[in-house]
Amino acid sequence: MTLNSPSYQVVNLGVDFIVGREKKSILSELNFTVGKGEFLSICGPSGTGKTTLLRALCGLVATTPGSLVRYAEDEVTSPPEGVVLVFQNYSASLLPWRSVARNVALGLEGKVPRAEMNERISRALELVGLAGSKKDYPWRLSGGMQQRVQIARALAVRPDVLLMDEPFGALDAMTKSAMQDELQRLRDATNATVVFVTHDIEEAVYLSDRVLVINGTPATITHEIGVDLPRPRDQITTKESDEYLKLRHKVHQAIHAVAP
């Protein structure tokens, strides 16, 4: 695909952690851009630093000298305005003593007038299909509905970028498929840029415009695979198409080509 003006520019990104008395290199010399409005997936074996990469994009981890992460032309040294991180563990991300509406309000309280906050909450819950659940509490909801609440909370702040760390990994297969389609619809409705970490090769191909594969110790980008499948995509017709099957095979080979 042809990238729009970049949301992110990443140059020579490295991340080291200190484990005991030793330095452990997690990421090394990652170079890529993320186009505005693009859906980019990050894939790779477990333990290769995919979550660390998302945290670097959010300014939540220290990077090595010579690294540069730039968002909207500004260097990232702390969480950028307009960027929201959505976690896999939806149950731990919601406050059980707050209603659905008050959970969605968390990113808005004290920042916008009450009338605008209520309007944003209502709109976000409509977008994720939970308009009738404002007064419910998270513990009364299914896993898929809880994840929708977390996504609604992200949408309520009207982000330009969603960083998503395996957001559907803990869901059953049917709920995961429904949430994948919901995310497609939301991306189309908001034109948000999405950077999406997943272990699921089928999910990556189905959702993405492009897939980056990271691998090794420390991890580097080993493959960049464009996904030129027509949109909107369908769980049956898209996944039965020859091009989808070829891309799934290509990503699978890329992940396992240099697997440790």
C-alpha atoms as a PDB file:
ATOM      1  CA  MET A   1       0.000   0.000   0.000  1.00  0.00           C
ATOM      2  CA  THR A   2       1.005   3.634  -0.429  1.00  0.00           C
ATOM      3  CA  LEU A   3       1.465   5.207   2.995  1.00  0.00           C
ATOM      4  CA  ASN A   4      -0.163   8.496   3.893  1.00  0.00           C
ATOM      5  CA  SER A   5       1.845  11.081   5.809  1.00  0.00           C
ATOM      6  CA  PRO A   6       3.376   9.246   8.751  1.00  0.00           C
ATOM      7  CA  SER A   7       1.890   9.163  12.231  1.00  0.00           C
ATOM      8  CA  TYR A   8       5.085   7.571  13.532  1.00  0.00           C
ATOM      9  CA  GLN A   9       8.682   7.519  12.402  1.00  0.00           C
ATOM     10  CA  VAL A  10      10.949   5.045  14.166  1.00  0.00           C
ATOM     11  CA  VAL A  11      14.691   5.233  13.575  1.00  0.00           C
ATOM     12  CA  ASN A  12      17.311   2.826  14.985  1.00  0.00           C
ATOM     13  CA  LEU A  13      15.062   1.965  17.922  1.00  0.00           C
ATOM     14  CA  GLY A  14      16.692  -0.105  20.637  1.00  0.00           C
ATOM     15  CA  VAL A  15      15.586  -1.029  24.145  1.00  0.00           C
ATOM     16  CA  ASP A  16      17.767  -2.601  26.849  1.00  0.00           C
ATOM     17  CA  PHE A  17      16.643  -3.865  30.250  1.00  0.00           C
ATOM     18  CA  ILE A  18      18.800  -4.476  33.311  1.00  0.00           C
ATOM     19  CA  VAL A  19      18.171  -7.976  34.676  1.00  0.00           C
ATOM     20  CA  GLY A  20      20.043  -8.448  37.938  1.00  0.00           C
ATOM     21  CA  ARG A  21      23.506  -7.145  37.139  1.00  0.00           C
ATOM     22  CA  GLU A  22      23.321  -7.866  33.435  1.00  0.00           C
ATOM     23  CA  LYS A  23      22.056  -5.805  30.523  1.00  0.00           C
ATOM     24  CA  LYS A  24      19.623  -7.605  28.245  1.00  0.00           C
ATOM     25  CA  SER A  25      18.981  -6.197  24.777  1.00  0.00           C
ATOM     26  CA  ILE A  26      15.280  -6.533  23.858  1.00  0.00           C
ATOM     27  CA  LEU A  27      15.003  -4.529  20.619  1.00  0.00           C
ATOM     28  CA  SER A  28      17.744  -3.432  18.235  1.00  0.00           C
ATOM     29  CA  GLU A  29      17.853  -1.070  15.236  1.00  0.00           C
ATOM     30  CA  LEU A  30      14.160  -1.090  14.380  1.00  0.00           C
ATOM     31  CA  ASN A  31      13.350   1.256  11.486  1.00  0.00           C
ATOM     32  CA  PHE A  32       9.816   1.795  10.181  1.00  0.00           C
ATOM     33  CA  THR A  33       7.039   4.312   9.693  1.00  0.00           C
ATOM     34  CA  VAL A  34       3.316   4.087  10.399  1.00  0.00           C
ATOM     35  CA  GLY A  35       1.103   5.927   7.930  1.00  0.00           C
ATOM     36  CA  LYS A  36      -1.750   8.114   9.115  1.00  0.00           C
ATOM     37  CA  GLY A  37      -4.891   5.967   9.111  1.00  0.00           C
ATOM     38  CA  GLU A  38      -2.917   2.763   8.560  1.00  0.00           C
ATOM     39  CA  PHE A  39      -3.654  -0.529  10.323  1.00  0.00           C
ATOM     40  CA  LEU A  40      -0.236  -2.013  11.121  1.00  0.00           C
ATOM     41  CA  SER A  41       0.171  -5.343  12.891  1.00  0.00           C
ATOM     42  CA  ILE A  42       3.289  -6.442  14.777  1.00  0.00           C
ATOM     43  CA  CYS A  43       3.830 -10.210  14.850  1.00  0.00           C
ATOM     44  CA  GLY A  44       6.541 -12.480  16.162  1.00  0.00           C
ATOM     45  CA  PRO A  45       7.218 -15.335  18.574  1.00  0.00           C
ATOM     46  CA  SER A  46       6.560 -14.919  22.288  1.00  0.00           C
ATOM     47  CA  GLY A  47       9.221 -13.003  24.165  1.00  0.00           C
ATOM     48  CA  THR A  48      10.529 -10.991  21.225  1.00  0.00           C
ATOM     49  CA  GLY A  49       9.545  -7.595  22.630  1.00  0.00           C
ATOM     50  CA  LYS A  50       6.266  -6.796  20.884  1.00  0.00           C
ATOM     51  CA  THR A  51       4.741  -5.253  24.009  1.00  0.00           C
ATOM     52  CA  THR A  52       8.000  -3.418  24.679  1.00  0.00           C
ATOM     53  CA  LEU A  53       7.769  -1.931  21.189  1.00  0.00           C
ATOM     54  CA  LEU A  54       4.268  -0.605  21.889  1.00  0.00           C
ATOM     55  CA  ARG A  55       5.484   0.896  25.162  1.00  0.00           C
ATOM     56  CA  ALA A  56       8.318   2.604  23.303  1.00  0.00           C
ATOM     57  CA  LEU A  57       5.789   4.129  20.892  1.00  0.00           C
ATOM     58  CA  CYS A  58       3.947   5.401  23.972  1.00  0.00           C
ATOM     59  CA  GLY A  59       7.068   6.818  25.608  1.00  0.00           C
ATOM     60  CA  LEU A  60       6.800   4.410  28.537  1.00  0.00           C
ATOM     61  CA  VAL A  61      10.242   2.781  28.307  1.00  0.00           C
ATOM     62  CA  ALA A  62      13.743   4.211  27.993  1.00  0.00           C
ATOM     63  CA  THR A  63      15.404   3.659  24.617  1.00  0.00           C
ATOM     64  CA  THR A  64      19.075   3.219  23.762  1.00  0.00           C
ATOM     65  CA  PRO A  65      21.293   6.120  22.672  1.00  0.00           C
ATOM     66  CA  GLY A  66      20.750   6.928  18.993  1.00  0.00           C
ATOM     67  CA  SER A  67      17.131   5.753  19.033  1.00  0.00           C
ATOM     68  CA  LEU A  68      14.438   8.082  17.738  1.00  0.00           C
ATOM     69  CA  VAL A  69      10.676   7.691  17.990  1.00  0.00           C
ATOM     70  CA  ARG A  70       8.816  10.595  16.436  1.00  0.00           C
ATOM     71  CA  TYR A  71       5.051  11.084  16.521  1.00  0.00           C
ATOM     72  CA  ALA A  72       3.458  13.873  14.458  1.00  0.00           C
ATOM     73  CA  GLU A  73       6.907  15.433  14.000  1.00  0.00           C
ATOM     74  CA  ASP A  74       7.644  15.526  17.753  1.00  0.00           C
ATOM     75  CA  GLU A  75      10.104  13.232  19.505  1.00  0.00           C
ATOM     76  CA  VAL A  76       8.373  10.843  21.908  1.00  0.00           C
ATOM     77  CA  THR A  77       9.721  11.067  25.444  1.00  0.00           C
ATOM     78  CA  SER A  78       6.401  10.647  27.285  1.00  0.00           C
ATOM     79  CA  PRO A  79       2.887   9.511  26.290  1.00  0.00           C
ATOM     80  CA  PRO A  80       1.898  11.663  23.283  1.00  0.00           C
ATOM     81  CA  GLU A  81      -1.385  13.547  23.181  1.00  0.00           C
ATOM     82  CA  GLY A  82      -3.873  11.657  21.016  1.00  0.00           C
ATOM     83  CA  VAL A  83      -2.312   8.205  21.494  1.00  0.00           C
ATOM     84  CA  VAL A  84      -4.137   5.569  23.590  1.00  0.00           C
ATOM     85  CA  LEU A  85      -2.884   2.128  24.662  1.00  0.00           C
ATOM     86  CA  VAL A  86      -5.466  -0.695  24.857  1.00  0.00           C
ATOM     87  CA  PHE A  87      -4.438  -3.758  26.868  1.00  0.00           C
ATOM     88  CA  GLN A  88      -5.264  -7.450  26.539  1.00  0.00           C
ATOM     89  CA  ASN A  89      -6.286  -7.767  30.202  1.00  0.00           C
ATOM     90  CA  TYR A  90      -9.603  -5.945  29.985  1.00  0.00           C
ATOM     91  CA  SER A  91     -10.834  -7.102  33.412  1.00  0.00           C
ATOM     92  CA  ALA A  92      -7.820  -5.554  35.172  1.00  0.00           C
ATOM     93  CA  SER A  93      -8.192  -2.363  33.124  1.00  0.00           C
ATOM     94  CA  LEU A  94     -11.749  -1.626  34.300  1.00  0.00           C
ATOM     95  CA  LEU A  95     -12.765  -0.411  37.755  1.00  0.00           C
ATOM     96  CA  PRO A  96     -15.398  -2.858  39.075  1.00  0.00           C
ATOM     97  CA  TRP A  97     -17.003  -0.310  41.406  1.00  0.00           C
ATOM     98  CA  ARG A  98     -17.686   2.096  38.540  1.00  0.00           C
ATOM     99  CA  SER A  99     -20.538   1.718  36.067  1.00  0.00           C
ATOM    100  CA  VAL A 100     -19.806   1.240  32.374  1.00  0.00           C
ATOM    101  CA  ALA A 101     -20.419   4.945  31.722  1.00  0.00           C
ATOM    102  CA  ARG A 102     -18.142   6.018  34.573  1.00  0.00           C
ATOM    103  CA  ASN A 103     -15.386   3.679  33.355  1.00  0.00           C
ATOM    104  CA  VAL A 104     -15.613   5.256  29.914  1.00  0.00           C
ATOM    105  CA  ALA A 105     -15.443   8.689  31.571  1.00  0.00           C
ATOM    106  CA  LEU A 106     -12.029   8.039  33.151  1.00  0.00           C
ATOM    107  CA  GLY A 107      -9.991   9.691  30.410  1.00  0.00           C
ATOM    108  CA  LEU A 108     -12.291  12.718  30.264  1.00  0.00           C
ATOM    109  CA  GLU A 109     -12.957  13.689  33.862  1.00  0.00           C
ATOM    110  CA  GLY A 110     -11.642  17.147  34.659  1.00  0.00           C
ATOM    111  CA  LYS A 111     -10.612  17.701  31.024  1.00  0.00           C
ATOM    112  CA  VAL A 112     -13.860  18.551  29.208  1.00  0.00           C
ATOM    113  CA  PRO A 113     -17.176  20.117  30.311  1.00  0.00           C
ATOM    114  CA  ARG A 114     -19.726  17.683  31.730  1.00  0.00           C
ATOM    115  CA  ALA A 115     -22.145  18.058  28.792  1.00  0.00           C
ATOM    116  CA  GLU A 116     -19.393  17.263  26.302  1.00  0.00           C
ATOM    117  CA  MET A 117     -18.184  14.356  28.450  1.00  0.00           C
ATOM    118  CA  ASN A 118     -21.673  12.830  28.517  1.00  0.00           C
ATOM    119  CA  GLU A 119     -21.993  13.255  24.751  1.00  0.00           C
ATOM    120  CA  ARG A 120     -18.642  11.562  24.149  1.00  0.00           C
ATOM    121  CA  ILE A 121     -19.521   8.692  26.487  1.00  0.00           C
ATOM    122  CA  SER A 122     -22.826   8.115  24.706  1.00  0.00           C
ATOM    123  CA  ARG A 123     -21.198   8.247  21.266  1.00  0.00           C
ATOM    124  CA  ALA A 124     -18.383   5.872  22.229  1.00  0.00           C
ATOM    125  CA  LEU A 125     -20.798   3.336  23.709  1.00  0.00           C
ATOM    126  CA  GLU A 126     -22.964   3.555  20.593  1.00  0.00           C
ATOM    127  CA  LEU A 127     -19.930   2.856  18.423  1.00  0.00           C
ATOM    128  CA  VAL A 128     -19.147  -0.357  20.324  1.00  0.00           C
ATOM    129  CA  GLY A 129     -22.776  -1.484  20.604  1.00  0.00           C
ATOM    130  CA  LEU A 130     -23.201  -0.869  24.338  1.00  0.00           C
ATOM    131  CA  ALA A 131     -25.563   2.109  24.333  1.00  0.00           C
ATOM    132  CA  GLY A 132     -27.981   0.219  26.600  1.00  0.00           C
ATOM    133  CA  SER A 133     -25.343  -0.785  29.165  1.00  0.00           C
ATOM    134  CA  LYS A 134     -24.358   2.582  30.663  1.00  0.00           C
ATOM    135  CA  LYS A 135     -25.564   1.711  34.162  1.00  0.00           C
ATOM    136  CA  ASP A 136     -24.231  -1.849  34.229  1.00  0.00           C
ATOM    137  CA  TYR A 137     -21.071  -2.799  36.105  1.00  0.00           C
ATOM    138  CA  PRO A 138     -18.114  -4.570  34.448  1.00  0.00           C
ATOM    139  CA  TRP A 139     -18.431  -7.707  36.577  1.00  0.00           C
ATOM    140  CA  ARG A 140     -21.916  -8.267  35.140  1.00  0.00           C
ATOM    141  CA  LEU A 141     -20.652  -8.256  31.547  1.00  0.00           C
ATOM    142  CA  SER A 142     -19.145 -10.965  29.356  1.00  0.00           C
ATOM    143  CA  GLY A 143     -15.464 -10.825  28.429  1.00  0.00           C
ATOM    144  CA  GLY A 144     -16.252  -9.470  24.985  1.00  0.00           C
ATOM    145  CA  MET A 145     -18.469  -6.754  26.431  1.00  0.00           C
ATOM    146  CA  GLN A 146     -15.787  -5.786  28.961  1.00  0.00           C
ATOM    147  CA  GLN A 147     -13.280  -5.391  26.150  1.00  0.00           C
ATOM    148  CA  ARG A 148     -15.807  -3.216  24.308  1.00  0.00           C
ATOM    149  CA  VAL A 149     -15.959  -0.983  27.377  1.00  0.00           C
ATOM    150  CA  GLN A 150     -12.179  -0.610  27.363  1.00  0.00           C
ATOM    151  CA  ILE A 151     -12.251   0.252  23.646  1.00  0.00           C
ATOM    152  CA  ALA A 152     -15.116   2.712  24.234  1.00  0.00           C
ATOM    153  CA  ARG A 153     -13.012   4.404  26.924  1.00  0.00           C
ATOM    154  CA  ALA A 154     -10.209   4.769  24.383  1.00  0.00           C
ATOM    155  CA  LEU A 155     -12.570   6.116  21.708  1.00  0.00           C
ATOM    156  CA  ALA A 156     -14.127   8.640  24.084  1.00  0.00           C
ATOM    157  CA  VAL A 157     -10.893  10.642  24.182  1.00  0.00           C
ATOM    158  CA  ARG A 158     -11.028  10.737  20.359  1.00  0.00           C
ATOM    159  CA  PRO A 159      -7.541   9.365  19.778  1.00  0.00           C
ATOM    160  CA  ASP A 160      -5.599   9.718  16.572  1.00  0.00           C
ATOM    161  CA  VAL A 161      -3.756   6.450  17.309  1.00  0.00           C
ATOM    162  CA  LEU A 162      -4.798   3.220  19.012  1.00  0.00           C
ATOM    163  CA  LEU A 163      -1.929   1.050  20.249  1.00  0.00           C
ATOM    164  CA  MET A 164      -3.471  -2.366  20.934  1.00  0.00           C
ATOM    165  CA  ASP A 165      -1.630  -5.123  22.813  1.00  0.00           C
ATOM    166  CA  GLU A 166      -3.289  -8.445  21.895  1.00  0.00           C
ATOM    167  CA  PRO A 167      -6.693  -6.998  22.800  1.00  0.00           C
ATOM    168  CA  PHE A 168      -8.622 -10.099  21.730  1.00  0.00           C
ATOM    169  CA  GLY A 169      -6.166 -12.763  22.868  1.00  0.00           C
ATOM    170  CA  ALA A 170      -8.209 -13.833  25.909  1.00  0.00           C
ATOM    171  CA  LEU A 171     -11.541 -14.082  24.070  1.00  0.00           C
ATOM    172  CA  ASP A 172     -13.215 -17.200  22.705  1.00  0.00           C
ATOM    173  CA  ALA A 173     -13.128 -17.735  18.934  1.00  0.00           C
ATOM    174  CA  MET A 174     -16.654 -16.484  18.186  1.00  0.00           C
ATOM    175  CA  THR A 175     -16.272 -13.372  20.328  1.00  0.00           C
ATOM    176  CA  LYS A 176     -12.848 -12.699  18.828  1.00  0.00           C
ATOM    177  CA  SER A 177     -14.276 -12.781  15.294  1.00  0.00           C
ATOM    178  CA  ALA A 178     -17.058 -10.393  16.289  1.00  0.00           C
ATOM    179  CA  MET A 179     -14.568  -8.008  17.910  1.00  0.00           C
ATOM    180  CA  GLN A 180     -12.302  -8.101  14.864  1.00  0.00           C
ATOM    181  CA  ASP A 181     -15.198  -6.968  12.698  1.00  0.00           C
ATOM    182  CA  GLU A 182     -16.183  -4.357  15.281  1.00  0.00           C
ATOM    183  CA  LEU A 183     -12.641  -2.974  15.222  1.00  0.00           C
ATOM    184  CA  GLN A 184     -12.698  -2.785  11.425  1.00  0.00           C
ATOM    185  CA  ARG A 185     -15.930  -0.813  11.568  1.00  0.00           C
ATOM    186  CA  LEU A 186     -14.622   1.507  14.274  1.00  0.00           C
ATOM    187  CA  ARG A 187     -11.417   2.186  12.349  1.00  0.00           C
ATOM    188  CA  ASP A 188     -13.464   3.071   9.272  1.00  0.00           C
ATOM    189  CA  ALA A 189     -15.734   5.330  11.342  1.00  0.00           C
ATOM    190  CA  THR A 190     -12.933   7.201  13.133  1.00  0.00           C
ATOM    191  CA  ASN A 191     -10.019   6.996  10.653  1.00  0.00           C
ATOM    192  CA  ALA A 192      -7.723   6.268  13.590  1.00  0.00           C
ATOM    193  CA  THR A 193      -4.262   4.831  13.040  1.00  0.00           C
ATOM    194  CA  VAL A 194      -3.953   1.373  14.632  1.00  0.00           C
ATOM    195  CA  VAL A 195      -0.772  -0.413  15.711  1.00  0.00           C
ATOM    196  CA  PHE A 196      -1.846  -3.901  16.728  1.00  0.00           C
ATOM    197  CA  VAL A 197       0.234  -6.577  18.463  1.00  0.00           C
ATOM    198  CA  THR A 198      -0.966 -10.149  17.986  1.00  0.00           C
ATOM    199  CA  HIS A 199       0.263 -13.745  18.034  1.00  0.00           C
ATOM    200  CA  ASP A 200      -2.606 -14.721  15.741  1.00  0.00           C
ATOM    201  CA  ILE A 201      -1.428 -14.877  12.111  1.00  0.00           C
ATOM    202  CA  GLU A 202      -4.977 -15.114  10.717  1.00  0.00           C
ATOM    203  CA  GLU A 203      -6.007 -12.076  12.756  1.00  0.00           C
ATOM    204  CA  ALA A 204      -3.014 -10.063  11.560  1.00  0.00           C
ATOM    205  CA  VAL A 205      -3.707 -10.768   7.887  1.00  0.00           C
ATOM    206  CA  TYR A 206      -7.460 -10.244   8.222  1.00  0.00           C
ATOM    207  CA  LEU A 207      -7.204  -6.843   9.904  1.00  0.00           C
ATOM    208  CA  SER A 208      -4.051  -5.226   8.576  1.00  0.00           C
ATOM    209  CA  ASP A 209      -2.806  -3.055   5.769  1.00  0.00           C
ATOM    210  CA  ARG A 210       0.718  -4.188   6.583  1.00  0.00           C
ATOM    211  CA  VAL A 211       2.407  -6.710   8.877  1.00  0.00           C
ATOM    212  CA  LEU A 212       5.829  -6.285  10.479  1.00  0.00           C
ATOM    213  CA  VAL A 213       7.489  -9.450  11.756  1.00  0.00           C
ATOM    214  CA  ILE A 214      10.030  -9.064  14.546  1.00  0.00           C
ATOM    215  CA  ASN A 215      12.256 -11.889  15.670  1.00  0.00           C
ATOM    216  CA  GLY A 216      15.589 -12.737  17.258  1.00  0.00           C
ATOM    217  CA  THR A 217      17.466 -11.776  20.425  1.00  0.00           C
ATOM    218  CA  PRO A 218      17.541  -8.823  20.428  1.00  0.00           C
ATOM    219  CA  ALA A 219      14.565  -8.531  18.123  1.00  0.00           C
ATOM    220  CA  THR A 220      14.846  -6.838  14.757  1.00  0.00           C
ATOM    221  CA  ILE A 221      12.374  -6.425  11.904  1.00  0.00           C
ATOM    222  CA  THR A 222      12.875  -9.461   9.704  1.00  0.00           C
ATOM    223  CA  HIS A 223       9.972  -9.059   7.276  1.00  0.00           C
ATOM    224  CA  GLU A 224       7.542  -6.390   6.106  1.00  0.00           C
ATOM    225  CA  ILE A 225       4.474  -7.755   4.323  1.00  0.00           C
ATOM    226  CA  GLY A 226       1.854  -5.624   2.596  1.00  0.00           C
ATOM    227  CA  VAL A 227      -1.762  -6.838   2.825  1.00  0.00           C
ATOM    228  CA  ASP A 228      -3.653  -5.624  -0.226  1.00  0.00           C
ATOM    229  CA  LEU A 229      -6.977  -7.312   0.447  1.00  0.00           C
ATOM    230  CA  PRO A 230     -10.143  -5.403  -0.495  1.00  0.00           C
ATOM    231  CA  ARG A 231     -12.203  -3.764   2.253  1.00  0.00           C
ATOM    232  CA  PRO A 232     -14.622  -4.209   3.871  1.00  0.00           C
ATOM    233  CA  ARG A 233     -13.459  -7.695   4.787  1.00  0.00           C
ATOM    234  CA  ASP A 234     -15.622 -10.660   5.676  1.00  0.00           C
ATOM    235  CA  GLN A 235     -14.851 -13.548   8.011  1.00  0.00           C
ATOM    236  CA  ILE A 236     -15.887 -16.108   5.381  1.00  0.00           C
ATOM    237  CA  THR A 237     -15.317 -14.693   1.898  1.00  0.00           C
ATOM    238  CA  THR A 238     -12.058 -12.912   2.756  1.00  0.00           C
ATOM    239  CA  LYS A 239     -10.609 -15.899   4.607  1.00  0.00           C
ATOM    240  CA  GLU A 240     -11.551 -18.271   1.794  1.00  0.00           C
ATOM    241  CA  SER A 241      -9.903 -16.139  -0.903  1.00  0.00           C
ATOM    242  CA  ASP A 242      -6.710 -17.327  -2.563  1.00  0.00           C
ATOM    243  CA  GLU A 243      -4.919 -14.059  -1.805  1.00  0.00           C
ATOM    244  CA  TYR A 244      -5.733 -14.262   1.908  1.00  0.00           C
ATOM    245  CA  LEU A 245      -4.473 -17.855   2.082  1.00  0.00           C
ATOM    246  CA  LYS A 246      -1.252 -16.882   0.288  1.00  0.00           C
ATOM    247  CA  LEU A 247      -0.668 -13.996   2.675  1.00  0.00           C
ATOM    248  CA  ARG A 248      -1.369 -16.165   5.719  1.00  0.00           C
ATOM    249  CA  HIS A 249       1.203 -18.665   4.453  1.00  0.00           C
ATOM    250  CA  LYS A 250       3.706 -15.862   3.796  1.00  0.00           C
ATOM    251  CA  VAL A 251       3.373 -14.412   7.313  1.00  0.00           C
ATOM    252  CA  HIS A 252       3.597 -17.885   8.861  1.00  0.00           C
ATOM    253  CA  GLN A 253       6.803 -18.595   6.953  1.00  0.00           C
ATOM    254  CA  ALA A 254       8.226 -15.204   7.944  1.00  0.00           C
ATOM    255  CA  ILE A 255       7.584 -15.756  11.658  1.00  0.00           C
ATOM    256  CA  HIS A 256       9.112 -19.214  11.667  1.00  0.00           C
ATOM    257  CA  ALA A 257      11.946 -18.568   9.219  1.00  0.00           C
ATOM    258  CA  VAL A 258      14.402 -17.441  11.896  1.00  0.00           C
ATOM    259  CA  ALA A 259      12.546 -18.597  14.990  1.00  0.00           C
ATOM    260  CA  PRO A 260      14.903 -19.591  17.804  1.00  0.00           C
END
